[in-house]
Amino acid sequence: MKTIETTAIVTPDGRLTVQLPPNISPGEHRIVLVIDEQVCTTPTRSEIDAALAEMATDPEYQAETLQLEAEFAVAQWEALHPIERGE
């Protein structure tokens, strides 16, 4: 028995197409389908903007951002000021 988890689109007429991995042999198979009732949706532009605005005022996110900036400061400086070599 193999378990495959994927996302699929169900058409308005109830059709579902699934692309199986190549290690599934051709022929008749017993398949169990579980439908998660939560529909996957793409966030709208306003939802993305709201999430970004929330990040801008989130102290935990701001602290993490400052930490990342500090960790990469030396590498960024070195990238902008390459060491001249006398080769």
C-alpha atoms as a PDB file:
ATOM      1  CA  MET A   1       0.000   0.000   0.000  1.00  0.00           C
ATOM      2  CA  LYS A   2       1.258   3.495  -0.877  1.00  0.00           C
ATOM      3  CA  THR A   3       0.050   6.860   0.370  1.00  0.00           C
ATOM      4  CA  ILE A   4       0.111   9.848  -1.961  1.00  0.00           C
ATOM      5  CA  GLU A   5      -0.837  13.334  -0.784  1.00  0.00           C
ATOM      6  CA  THR A   6      -1.453  16.013  -3.365  1.00  0.00           C
ATOM      7  CA  THR A   7      -3.696  18.947  -4.227  1.00  0.00           C
ATOM      8  CA  ALA A   8      -6.243  18.523  -6.983  1.00  0.00           C
ATOM      9  CA  ILE A   9      -8.874  20.591  -8.745  1.00  0.00           C
ATOM     10  CA  VAL A  10     -12.404  19.283  -8.953  1.00  0.00           C
ATOM     11  CA  THR A  11     -14.297  20.652 -11.946  1.00  0.00           C
ATOM     12  CA  PRO A  12     -17.888  21.911 -11.629  1.00  0.00           C
ATOM     13  CA  ASP A  13     -19.128  18.635 -13.153  1.00  0.00           C
ATOM     14  CA  GLY A  14     -17.344  16.642 -10.410  1.00  0.00           C
ATOM     15  CA  ARG A  15     -14.423  15.359 -12.451  1.00  0.00           C
ATOM     16  CA  LEU A  16     -11.033  14.880 -10.828  1.00  0.00           C
ATOM     17  CA  THR A  17      -7.753  14.184 -12.588  1.00  0.00           C
ATOM     18  CA  VAL A  18      -4.773  12.904 -10.641  1.00  0.00           C
ATOM     19  CA  GLN A  19      -1.212  12.591 -11.911  1.00  0.00           C
ATOM     20  CA  LEU A  20       0.362   9.601 -10.176  1.00  0.00           C
ATOM     21  CA  PRO A  21       4.085   9.138  -9.651  1.00  0.00           C
ATOM     22  CA  PRO A  22       5.898   6.800 -12.069  1.00  0.00           C
ATOM     23  CA  ASN A  23       6.350   4.071  -9.429  1.00  0.00           C
ATOM     24  CA  ILE A  24       2.619   3.194  -9.631  1.00  0.00           C
ATOM     25  CA  SER A  25       2.198   0.314 -12.039  1.00  0.00           C
ATOM     26  CA  PRO A  26      -0.496   0.401 -14.714  1.00  0.00           C
ATOM     27  CA  GLY A  27      -3.633  -1.630 -14.077  1.00  0.00           C
ATOM     28  CA  GLU A  28      -6.584  -1.749 -11.745  1.00  0.00           C
ATOM     29  CA  HIS A  29      -6.030  -0.398  -8.235  1.00  0.00           C
ATOM     30  CA  ARG A  30      -8.183   0.132  -5.154  1.00  0.00           C
ATOM     31  CA  ILE A  31      -8.017   3.846  -4.307  1.00  0.00           C
ATOM     32  CA  VAL A  32      -9.296   5.549  -1.175  1.00  0.00           C
ATOM     33  CA  LEU A  33     -10.037   9.244  -1.612  1.00  0.00           C
ATOM     34  CA  VAL A  34     -10.234  11.594   1.367  1.00  0.00           C
ATOM     35  CA  ILE A  35     -11.690  15.034   0.720  1.00  0.00           C
ATOM     36  CA  ASP A  36     -10.589  17.796   3.085  1.00  0.00           C
ATOM     37  CA  GLU A  37     -13.554  20.164   3.154  1.00  0.00           C
ATOM     38  CA  GLN A  38     -11.311  23.203   3.455  1.00  0.00           C
ATOM     39  CA  VAL A  39     -11.007  24.594  -0.033  1.00  0.00           C
ATOM     40  CA  CYS A  40      -7.541  25.828  -0.966  1.00  0.00           C
ATOM     41  CA  THR A  41      -7.699  29.456  -2.048  1.00  0.00           C
ATOM     42  CA  THR A  42      -5.151  31.942  -3.269  1.00  0.00           C
ATOM     43  CA  PRO A  43      -4.976  35.003  -1.024  1.00  0.00           C
ATOM     44  CA  THR A  44      -6.266  38.258  -2.478  1.00  0.00           C
ATOM     45  CA  ARG A  45      -4.090  41.327  -2.877  1.00  0.00           C
ATOM     46  CA  SER A  46      -5.833  42.988   0.084  1.00  0.00           C
ATOM     47  CA  GLU A  47      -5.187  39.912   2.288  1.00  0.00           C
ATOM     48  CA  ILE A  48      -1.499  39.996   1.353  1.00  0.00           C
ATOM     49  CA  ASP A  49      -1.317  43.745   2.032  1.00  0.00           C
ATOM     50  CA  ALA A  50      -2.998  43.262   5.427  1.00  0.00           C
ATOM     51  CA  ALA A  51      -0.525  40.508   6.363  1.00  0.00           C
ATOM     52  CA  LEU A  52       2.426  42.707   5.352  1.00  0.00           C
ATOM     53  CA  ALA A  53       1.040  45.636   7.364  1.00  0.00           C
ATOM     54  CA  GLU A  54       0.703  43.353  10.388  1.00  0.00           C
ATOM     55  CA  MET A  55       4.319  42.221   9.983  1.00  0.00           C
ATOM     56  CA  ALA A  56       5.457  45.862   9.979  1.00  0.00           C
ATOM     57  CA  THR A  57       4.067  46.369  13.494  1.00  0.00           C
ATOM     58  CA  ASP A  58       4.859  42.929  14.931  1.00  0.00           C
ATOM     59  CA  PRO A  59       7.678  43.313  17.502  1.00  0.00           C
ATOM     60  CA  GLU A  60       8.691  39.640  17.246  1.00  0.00           C
ATOM     61  CA  TYR A  61       8.993  39.894  13.459  1.00  0.00           C
ATOM     62  CA  GLN A  62      10.934  43.159  13.757  1.00  0.00           C
ATOM     63  CA  ALA A  63      13.391  41.600  16.241  1.00  0.00           C
ATOM     64  CA  GLU A  64      13.930  38.608  13.963  1.00  0.00           C
ATOM     65  CA  THR A  65      14.507  40.918  10.990  1.00  0.00           C
ATOM     66  CA  LEU A  66      17.107  42.943  12.893  1.00  0.00           C
ATOM     67  CA  GLN A  67      18.862  39.729  13.936  1.00  0.00           C
ATOM     68  CA  LEU A  68      19.003  38.500  10.325  1.00  0.00           C
ATOM     69  CA  GLU A  69      20.305  41.866   9.127  1.00  0.00           C
ATOM     70  CA  ALA A  70      23.081  41.749  11.747  1.00  0.00           C
ATOM     71  CA  GLU A  71      24.024  38.184  10.774  1.00  0.00           C
ATOM     72  CA  PHE A  72      24.359  39.098   7.099  1.00  0.00           C
ATOM     73  CA  ALA A  73      25.944  42.549   7.570  1.00  0.00           C
ATOM     74  CA  VAL A  74      29.538  41.331   7.173  1.00  0.00           C
ATOM     75  CA  ALA A  75      28.760  39.220   4.106  1.00  0.00           C
ATOM     76  CA  GLN A  76      26.856  42.112   2.543  1.00  0.00           C
ATOM     77  CA  TRP A  77      29.731  44.527   3.202  1.00  0.00           C
ATOM     78  CA  GLU A  78      32.229  42.068   1.715  1.00  0.00           C
ATOM     79  CA  ALA A  79      30.065  41.608  -1.365  1.00  0.00           C
ATOM     80  CA  LEU A  80      29.878  45.359  -1.925  1.00  0.00           C
ATOM     81  CA  HIS A  81      33.603  45.917  -1.203  1.00  0.00           C
ATOM     82  CA  PRO A  82      35.521  43.019  -2.750  1.00  0.00           C
ATOM     83  CA  ILE A  83      39.039  42.508  -1.532  1.00  0.00           C
ATOM     84  CA  GLU A  84      41.537  43.533  -4.170  1.00  0.00           C
ATOM     85  CA  ARG A  85      44.072  40.820  -4.807  1.00  0.00           C
ATOM     86  CA  GLY A  86      47.518  41.359  -6.163  1.00  0.00           C
ATOM     87  CA  GLU A  87      47.509  38.337  -8.421  1.00  0.00           C
END
